[in-house]
Structures are given as structure tokens and as C-alpha cells.
Amino acid sequence: MAILEAREIKKTLYIQISIVFFVPLLLGGLNLFVATNALQNILEGITIYSKIVIFLMFFVSQFIIYLISSYFYSKKVL
């Protein structure tokens, strides 16, 4: 029974941490595309390729921070 409870707690922790890390990622990506489209006249060199590269760099860094944080947080709670 304790193993099942620990597994459920771990699953809940990862869901909560995912929400905390990936909702801002989605909102930041949306902001990136809207802001660069609005500023297209000023930022003439920004293409869709540049936007995707910027978003992927942000995603990779956010994902690495997520993995490190979720690991240490789950070890501390469990």
C-alpha cells in the first residue's frame, strides 16, 4: 500500500511541477509570436525560422530546469 501511495504522490508532483513550468512556456511562446508579428516593421530580420529557433532554445532551457527541479523536489517530498 505504501508503494502505491508513493507512486500516486510522485505522479501528482510531476503533474503540478509540469503545470508550473510549462504554462509559462506556452504563454511565452504565444507572446513571442504575437510580439514579433506586431514589431515586424521594426525587426525586419525576424523570420518564422528565427522565431522557431528562439522558442526551441527557450523550450530546451525550460525543460532542463524542469527536470532538475522535479528531481530534487520529488526527492525532498518523498
PDB file of N, CA and C in Angstrom:
ATOM      1  N   MET A   1       0.818  -1.187   0.000  1.00  0.00           N
ATOM      2  CA  MET A   1       0.000   0.000   0.000  1.00  0.00           C
ATOM      3  C   MET A   1       0.866   1.257   0.000  1.00  0.00           C
ATOM      4  N   ALA A   2       1.974   1.245   0.712  1.00  0.00           N
ATOM      5  CA  ALA A   2       2.847   2.415   0.762  1.00  0.00           C
ATOM      6  C   ALA A   2       3.489   2.692  -0.594  1.00  0.00           C
ATOM      7  N   ILE A   3       3.790   1.622  -1.340  1.00  0.00           N
ATOM      8  CA  ILE A   3       4.379   1.801  -2.672  1.00  0.00           C
ATOM      9  C   ILE A   3       3.375   2.470  -3.607  1.00  0.00           C
ATOM     10  N   LEU A   4       2.132   2.063  -3.533  1.00  0.00           N
ATOM     11  CA  LEU A   4       1.092   2.654  -4.380  1.00  0.00           C
ATOM     12  C   LEU A   4       0.891   4.125  -4.029  1.00  0.00           C
ATOM     13  N   GLU A   5       0.891   4.434  -2.745  1.00  0.00           N
ATOM     14  CA  GLU A   5       0.728   5.822  -2.324  1.00  0.00           C
ATOM     15  C   GLU A   5       1.904   6.677  -2.784  1.00  0.00           C
ATOM     16  N   ALA A   6       3.119   6.167  -2.683  1.00  0.00           N
ATOM     17  CA  ALA A   6       4.299   6.905  -3.122  1.00  0.00           C
ATOM     18  C   ALA A   6       4.242   7.154  -4.623  1.00  0.00           C
ATOM     19  N   ARG A   7       3.774   6.175  -5.379  1.00  0.00           N
ATOM     20  CA  ARG A   7       3.663   6.321  -6.828  1.00  0.00           C
ATOM     21  C   ARG A   7       2.624   7.378  -7.187  1.00  0.00           C
ATOM     22  N   GLU A   8       1.513   7.375  -6.462  1.00  0.00           N
ATOM     23  CA  GLU A   8       0.472   8.379  -6.712  1.00  0.00           C
ATOM     24  C   GLU A   8       0.957   9.785  -6.346  1.00  0.00           C
ATOM     25  N   ILE A   9       1.682   9.886  -5.247  1.00  0.00           N
ATOM     26  CA  ILE A   9       2.230  11.180  -4.833  1.00  0.00           C
ATOM     27  C   ILE A   9       3.230  11.677  -5.870  1.00  0.00           C
ATOM     28  N   LYS A  10       4.082  10.790  -6.341  1.00  0.00           N
ATOM     29  CA  LYS A  10       5.074  11.162  -7.340  1.00  0.00           C
ATOM     30  C   LYS A  10       4.399  11.630  -8.631  1.00  0.00           C
ATOM     31  N   LYS A  11       3.368  10.934  -9.055  1.00  0.00           N
ATOM     32  CA  LYS A  11       2.633  11.323 -10.261  1.00  0.00           C
ATOM     33  C   LYS A  11       2.000  12.702 -10.089  1.00  0.00           C
ATOM     34  N   THR A  12       1.402  12.936  -8.932  1.00  0.00           N
ATOM     35  CA  THR A  12       0.781  14.237  -8.647  1.00  0.00           C
ATOM     36  C   THR A  12       1.828  15.341  -8.625  1.00  0.00           C
ATOM     37  N   LEU A  13       2.990  15.078  -8.041  1.00  0.00           N
ATOM     38  CA  LEU A  13       4.067  16.064  -8.006  1.00  0.00           C
ATOM     39  C   LEU A  13       4.514  16.441  -9.407  1.00  0.00           C
ATOM     40  N   TYR A  14       4.709  15.440 -10.262  1.00  0.00           N
ATOM     41  CA  TYR A  14       5.161  15.727 -11.618  1.00  0.00           C
ATOM     42  C   TYR A  14       4.111  16.501 -12.410  1.00  0.00           C
ATOM     43  N   ILE A  15       2.843  16.232 -12.188  1.00  0.00           N
ATOM     44  CA  ILE A  15       1.786  16.991 -12.867  1.00  0.00           C
ATOM     45  C   ILE A  15       1.798  18.438 -12.397  1.00  0.00           C
ATOM     46  N   GLN A  16       1.910  18.656 -11.102  1.00  0.00           N
ATOM     47  CA  GLN A  16       1.922  20.016 -10.573  1.00  0.00           C
ATOM     48  C   GLN A  16       3.151  20.796 -11.046  1.00  0.00           C
ATOM     49  N   ILE A  17       4.299  20.168 -11.014  1.00  0.00           N
ATOM     50  CA  ILE A  17       5.520  20.833 -11.465  1.00  0.00           C
ATOM     51  C   ILE A  17       5.435  21.125 -12.964  1.00  0.00           C
ATOM     52  N   SER A  18       4.862  20.216 -13.728  1.00  0.00           N
ATOM     53  CA  SER A  18       4.700  20.438 -15.166  1.00  0.00           C
ATOM     54  C   SER A  18       3.844  21.663 -15.443  1.00  0.00           C
ATOM     55  N   ILE A  19       2.773  21.813 -14.698  1.00  0.00           N
ATOM     56  CA  ILE A  19       1.903  22.976 -14.880  1.00  0.00           C
ATOM     57  C   ILE A  19       2.663  24.261 -14.572  1.00  0.00           C
ATOM     58  N   VAL A  20       3.419  24.254 -13.480  1.00  0.00           N
ATOM     59  CA  VAL A  20       4.163  25.453 -13.077  1.00  0.00           C
ATOM     60  C   VAL A  20       5.210  25.835 -14.130  1.00  0.00           C
ATOM     61  N   PHE A  21       5.827  24.858 -14.788  1.00  0.00           N
ATOM     62  CA  PHE A  21       6.885  25.160 -15.739  1.00  0.00           C
ATOM     63  C   PHE A  21       6.393  25.349 -17.170  1.00  0.00           C
ATOM     64  N   PHE A  22       5.366  24.614 -17.590  1.00  0.00           N
ATOM     65  CA  PHE A  22       5.028  24.626 -19.000  1.00  0.00           C
ATOM     66  C   PHE A  22       3.895  25.568 -19.376  1.00  0.00           C
ATOM     67  N   VAL A  23       3.075  26.007 -18.446  1.00  0.00           N
ATOM     68  CA  VAL A  23       2.088  27.045 -18.755  1.00  0.00           C
ATOM     69  C   VAL A  23       2.813  28.355 -19.090  1.00  0.00           C
ATOM     70  N   PRO A  24       3.805  28.793 -18.293  1.00  0.00           N
ATOM     71  CA  PRO A  24       4.555  29.988 -18.700  1.00  0.00           C
ATOM     72  C   PRO A  24       5.287  29.804 -20.039  1.00  0.00           C
ATOM     73  N   LEU A  25       5.737  28.588 -20.320  1.00  0.00           N
ATOM     74  CA  LEU A  25       6.392  28.326 -21.595  1.00  0.00           C
ATOM     75  C   LEU A  25       5.427  28.554 -22.757  1.00  0.00           C
ATOM     76  N   LEU A  26       4.217  28.053 -22.639  1.00  0.00           N
ATOM     77  CA  LEU A  26       3.223  28.248 -23.692  1.00  0.00           C
ATOM     78  C   LEU A  26       2.852  29.715 -23.834  1.00  0.00           C
ATOM     79  N   LEU A  27       2.665  30.393 -22.718  1.00  0.00           N
ATOM     80  CA  LEU A  27       2.339  31.818 -22.770  1.00  0.00           C
ATOM     81  C   LEU A  27       3.505  32.636 -23.330  1.00  0.00           C
ATOM     82  N   GLY A  28       4.716  32.271 -22.980  1.00  0.00           N
ATOM     83  CA  GLY A  28       5.895  32.953 -23.528  1.00  0.00           C
ATOM     84  C   GLY A  28       6.021  32.736 -25.028  1.00  0.00           C
ATOM     85  N   GLY A  29       5.732  31.523 -25.489  1.00  0.00           N
ATOM     86  CA  GLY A  29       5.761  31.250 -26.928  1.00  0.00           C
ATOM     87  C   GLY A  29       4.702  32.039 -27.668  1.00  0.00           C
ATOM     88  N   LEU A  30       3.524  32.101 -27.109  1.00  0.00           N
ATOM     89  CA  LEU A  30       2.455  32.892 -27.708  1.00  0.00           C
ATOM     90  C   LEU A  30       2.858  34.363 -27.758  1.00  0.00           C
ATOM     91  N   ASN A  31       3.429  34.859 -26.672  1.00  0.00           N
ATOM     92  CA  ASN A  31       3.893  36.243 -26.626  1.00  0.00           C
ATOM     93  C   ASN A  31       4.981  36.493 -27.667  1.00  0.00           C
ATOM     94  N   LEU A  32       5.890  35.550 -27.839  1.00  0.00           N
ATOM     95  CA  LEU A  32       6.958  35.674 -28.832  1.00  0.00           C
ATOM     96  C   LEU A  32       6.389  35.880 -30.225  1.00  0.00           C
ATOM     97  N   PHE A  33       5.428  35.038 -30.613  1.00  0.00           N
ATOM     98  CA  PHE A  33       4.884  35.118 -31.966  1.00  0.00           C
ATOM     99  C   PHE A  33       4.027  36.369 -32.167  1.00  0.00           C
ATOM    100  N   VAL A  34       3.254  36.740 -31.176  1.00  0.00           N
ATOM    101  CA  VAL A  34       2.412  37.934 -31.296  1.00  0.00           C
ATOM    102  C   VAL A  34       3.274  39.197 -31.315  1.00  0.00           C
ATOM    103  N   ALA A  35       4.231  39.283 -30.404  1.00  0.00           N
ATOM    104  CA  ALA A  35       5.055  40.496 -30.313  1.00  0.00           C
ATOM    105  C   ALA A  35       5.917  40.677 -31.552  1.00  0.00           C
ATOM    106  N   THR A  36       6.522  39.601 -32.051  1.00  0.00           N
ATOM    107  CA  THR A  36       7.368  39.748 -33.239  1.00  0.00           C
ATOM    108  C   THR A  36       6.538  40.056 -34.480  1.00  0.00           C
ATOM    109  N   ASN A  37       5.308  39.566 -34.545  1.00  0.00           N
ATOM    110  CA  ASN A  37       4.444  39.936 -35.666  1.00  0.00           C
ATOM    111  C   ASN A  37       4.046  41.401 -35.569  1.00  0.00           C
ATOM    112  N   ALA A  38       3.801  41.878 -34.359  1.00  0.00           N
ATOM    113  CA  ALA A  38       3.425  43.279 -34.172  1.00  0.00           C
ATOM    114  C   ALA A  38       4.602  44.205 -34.473  1.00  0.00           C
ATOM    115  N   LEU A  39       5.811  43.758 -34.219  1.00  0.00           N
ATOM    116  CA  LEU A  39       7.002  44.581 -34.426  1.00  0.00           C
ATOM    117  C   LEU A  39       7.731  44.255 -35.733  1.00  0.00           C
ATOM    118  N   GLN A  40       7.056  43.611 -36.655  1.00  0.00           N
ATOM    119  CA  GLN A  40       7.701  43.146 -37.886  1.00  0.00           C
ATOM    120  C   GLN A  40       8.344  44.290 -38.679  1.00  0.00           C
ATOM    121  N   ASN A  41       7.732  45.481 -38.670  1.00  0.00           N
ATOM    122  CA  ASN A  41       8.314  46.606 -39.402  1.00  0.00           C
ATOM    123  C   ASN A  41       9.629  47.057 -38.787  1.00  0.00           C
ATOM    124  N   ILE A  42       9.738  46.990 -37.479  1.00  0.00           N
ATOM    125  CA  ILE A  42      10.970  47.406 -36.805  1.00  0.00           C
ATOM    126  C   ILE A  42      12.033  46.312 -36.909  1.00  0.00           C
ATOM    127  N   LEU A  43      11.627  45.075 -36.711  1.00  0.00           N
ATOM    128  CA  LEU A  43      12.548  43.931 -36.725  1.00  0.00           C
ATOM    129  C   LEU A  43      12.470  43.224 -38.069  1.00  0.00           C
ATOM    130  N   GLU A  44      13.016  43.822 -39.089  1.00  0.00           N
ATOM    131  CA  GLU A  44      12.875  43.282 -40.440  1.00  0.00           C
ATOM    132  C   GLU A  44      13.544  41.920 -40.620  1.00  0.00           C
ATOM    133  N   GLY A  45      14.565  41.633 -39.828  1.00  0.00           N
ATOM    134  CA  GLY A  45      15.292  40.384 -39.998  1.00  0.00           C
ATOM    135  C   GLY A  45      14.641  39.180 -39.338  1.00  0.00           C
ATOM    136  N   ILE A  46      13.582  39.370 -38.579  1.00  0.00           N
ATOM    137  CA  ILE A  46      12.946  38.268 -37.869  1.00  0.00           C
ATOM    138  C   ILE A  46      12.058  37.482 -38.835  1.00  0.00           C
ATOM    139  N   THR A  47      12.392  36.215 -39.024  1.00  0.00           N
ATOM    140  CA  THR A  47      11.589  35.334 -39.879  1.00  0.00           C
ATOM    141  C   THR A  47      10.948  34.270 -39.006  1.00  0.00           C
ATOM    142  N   ILE A  48      10.104  33.463 -39.610  1.00  0.00           N
ATOM    143  CA  ILE A  48       9.458  32.376 -38.861  1.00  0.00           C
ATOM    144  C   ILE A  48      10.510  31.386 -38.359  1.00  0.00           C
ATOM    145  N   TYR A  49      11.556  31.190 -39.135  1.00  0.00           N
ATOM    146  CA  TYR A  49      12.648  30.309 -38.718  1.00  0.00           C
ATOM    147  C   TYR A  49      13.313  30.838 -37.451  1.00  0.00           C
ATOM    148  N   SER A  50      13.570  32.148 -37.408  1.00  0.00           N
ATOM    149  CA  SER A  50      14.178  32.763 -36.221  1.00  0.00           C
ATOM    150  C   SER A  50      13.276  32.612 -35.008  1.00  0.00           C
ATOM    151  N   LYS A  51      11.975  32.777 -35.199  1.00  0.00           N
ATOM    152  CA  LYS A  51      11.026  32.637 -34.094  1.00  0.00           C
ATOM    153  C   LYS A  51      11.028  31.216 -33.554  1.00  0.00           C
ATOM    154  N   ILE A  52      11.075  30.250 -34.442  1.00  0.00           N
ATOM    155  CA  ILE A  52      11.074  28.844 -34.021  1.00  0.00           C
ATOM    156  C   ILE A  52      12.366  28.512 -33.272  1.00  0.00           C
ATOM    157  N   VAL A  53      13.492  29.001 -33.751  1.00  0.00           N
ATOM    158  CA  VAL A  53      14.776  28.753 -33.079  1.00  0.00           C
ATOM    159  C   VAL A  53      14.775  29.373 -31.686  1.00  0.00           C
ATOM    160  N   ILE A  54      14.284  30.598 -31.576  1.00  0.00           N
ATOM    161  CA  ILE A  54      14.214  31.258 -30.272  1.00  0.00           C
ATOM    162  C   ILE A  54      13.318  30.460 -29.326  1.00  0.00           C
ATOM    163  N   PHE A  55      12.152  30.027 -29.819  1.00  0.00           N
ATOM    164  CA  PHE A  55      11.231  29.255 -28.983  1.00  0.00           C
ATOM    165  C   PHE A  55      11.846  27.927 -28.566  1.00  0.00           C
ATOM    166  N   LEU A  56      12.534  27.247 -29.473  1.00  0.00           N
ATOM    167  CA  LEU A  56      13.157  25.964 -29.131  1.00  0.00           C
ATOM    168  C   LEU A  56      14.265  26.131 -28.093  1.00  0.00           C
ATOM    169  N   MET A  57      15.036  27.211 -28.204  1.00  0.00           N
ATOM    170  CA  MET A  57      16.069  27.474 -27.191  1.00  0.00           C
ATOM    171  C   MET A  57      15.421  27.699 -25.825  1.00  0.00           C
ATOM    172  N   PHE A  58      14.347  28.456 -25.796  1.00  0.00           N
ATOM    173  CA  PHE A  58      13.620  28.696 -24.561  1.00  0.00           C
ATOM    174  C   PHE A  58      13.030  27.393 -24.025  1.00  0.00           C
ATOM    175  N   PHE A  59      12.483  26.566 -24.907  1.00  0.00           N
ATOM    176  CA  PHE A  59      11.891  25.294 -24.505  1.00  0.00           C
ATOM    177  C   PHE A  59      12.939  24.359 -23.907  1.00  0.00           C
ATOM    178  N   VAL A  60      14.078  24.233 -24.549  1.00  0.00           N
ATOM    179  CA  VAL A  60      15.127  23.328 -24.063  1.00  0.00           C
ATOM    180  C   VAL A  60      15.628  23.773 -22.694  1.00  0.00           C
ATOM    181  N   SER A  61      15.877  25.068 -22.538  1.00  0.00           N
ATOM    182  CA  SER A  61      16.348  25.541 -21.232  1.00  0.00           C
ATOM    183  C   SER A  61      15.282  25.347 -20.157  1.00  0.00           C
ATOM    184  N   GLN A  62      14.024  25.606 -20.488  1.00  0.00           N
ATOM    185  CA  GLN A  62      12.937  25.420 -19.528  1.00  0.00           C
ATOM    186  C   GLN A  62      12.779  23.938 -19.171  1.00  0.00           C
ATOM    187  N   PHE A  63      12.941  23.052 -20.149  1.00  0.00           N
ATOM    188  CA  PHE A  63      12.798  21.616 -19.914  1.00  0.00           C
ATOM    189  C   PHE A  63      13.924  21.088 -19.018  1.00  0.00           C
ATOM    190  N   ILE A  64      15.131  21.569 -19.222  1.00  0.00           N
ATOM    191  CA  ILE A  64      16.255  21.153 -18.371  1.00  0.00           C
ATOM    192  C   ILE A  64      16.026  21.603 -16.929  1.00  0.00           C
ATOM    193  N   ILE A  65      15.583  22.833 -16.765  1.00  0.00           N
ATOM    194  CA  ILE A  65      15.280  23.335 -15.417  1.00  0.00           C
ATOM    195  C   ILE A  65      14.147  22.527 -14.796  1.00  0.00           C
ATOM    196  N   TYR A  66      13.156  22.155 -15.606  1.00  0.00           N
ATOM    197  CA  TYR A  66      12.049  21.325 -15.122  1.00  0.00           C
ATOM    198  C   TYR A  66      12.561  19.973 -14.622  1.00  0.00           C
ATOM    199  N   LEU A  67      13.409  19.318 -15.387  1.00  0.00           N
ATOM    200  CA  LEU A  67      13.918  18.002 -14.988  1.00  0.00           C
ATOM    201  C   LEU A  67      14.710  18.081 -13.689  1.00  0.00           C
ATOM    202  N   ILE A  68      15.565  19.072 -13.572  1.00  0.00           N
ATOM    203  CA  ILE A  68      16.370  19.229 -12.353  1.00  0.00           C
ATOM    204  C   ILE A  68      15.469  19.532 -11.155  1.00  0.00           C
ATOM    205  N   SER A  69      14.551  20.455 -11.329  1.00  0.00           N
ATOM    206  CA  SER A  69      13.663  20.850 -10.228  1.00  0.00           C
ATOM    207  C   SER A  69      12.757  19.716  -9.787  1.00  0.00           C
ATOM    208  N   SER A  70      12.178  19.011 -10.755  1.00  0.00           N
ATOM    209  CA  SER A  70      11.271  17.924 -10.389  1.00  0.00           C
ATOM    210  C   SER A  70      12.015  16.793  -9.696  1.00  0.00           C
ATOM    211  N   TYR A  71      13.256  16.544 -10.098  1.00  0.00           N
ATOM    212  CA  TYR A  71      14.046  15.503  -9.449  1.00  0.00           C
ATOM    213  C   TYR A  71      14.288  15.840  -7.982  1.00  0.00           C
ATOM    214  N   PHE A  72      14.803  17.049  -7.739  1.00  0.00           N
ATOM    215  CA  PHE A  72      15.117  17.429  -6.362  1.00  0.00           C
ATOM    216  C   PHE A  72      13.857  17.610  -5.517  1.00  0.00           C
ATOM    217  N   TYR A  73      12.806  18.134  -6.106  1.00  0.00           N
ATOM    218  CA  TYR A  73      11.569  18.331  -5.363  1.00  0.00           C
ATOM    219  C   TYR A  73      10.938  16.995  -4.962  1.00  0.00           C
ATOM    220  N   SER A  74      10.935  16.030  -5.887  1.00  0.00           N
ATOM    221  CA  SER A  74      10.371  14.728  -5.539  1.00  0.00           C
ATOM    222  C   SER A  74      11.218  14.004  -4.501  1.00  0.00           C
ATOM    223  N   LYS A  75      12.537  14.173  -4.557  1.00  0.00           N
ATOM    224  CA  LYS A  75      13.397  13.564  -3.528  1.00  0.00           C
ATOM    225  C   LYS A  75      13.152  14.180  -2.155  1.00  0.00           C
ATOM    226  N   LYS A  76      12.876  15.487  -2.134  1.00  0.00           N
ATOM    227  CA  LYS A  76      12.647  16.156  -0.859  1.00  0.00           C
ATOM    228  C   LYS A  76      11.290  15.774  -0.254  1.00  0.00           C
ATOM    229  N   VAL A  77      10.292  15.618  -1.110  1.00  0.00           N
ATOM    230  CA  VAL A  77       8.946  15.290  -0.614  1.00  0.00           C
ATOM    231  C   VAL A  77       8.845  13.816  -0.245  1.00  0.00           C
ATOM    232  N   LEU A  78       9.399  12.968  -1.064  1.00  0.00           N
ATOM    233  CA  LEU A  78       9.320  11.527  -0.793  1.00  0.00           C
ATOM    234  C   LEU A  78      10.520  11.150   0.006  1.00  0.00           C
TER     235      LEU A  78
END
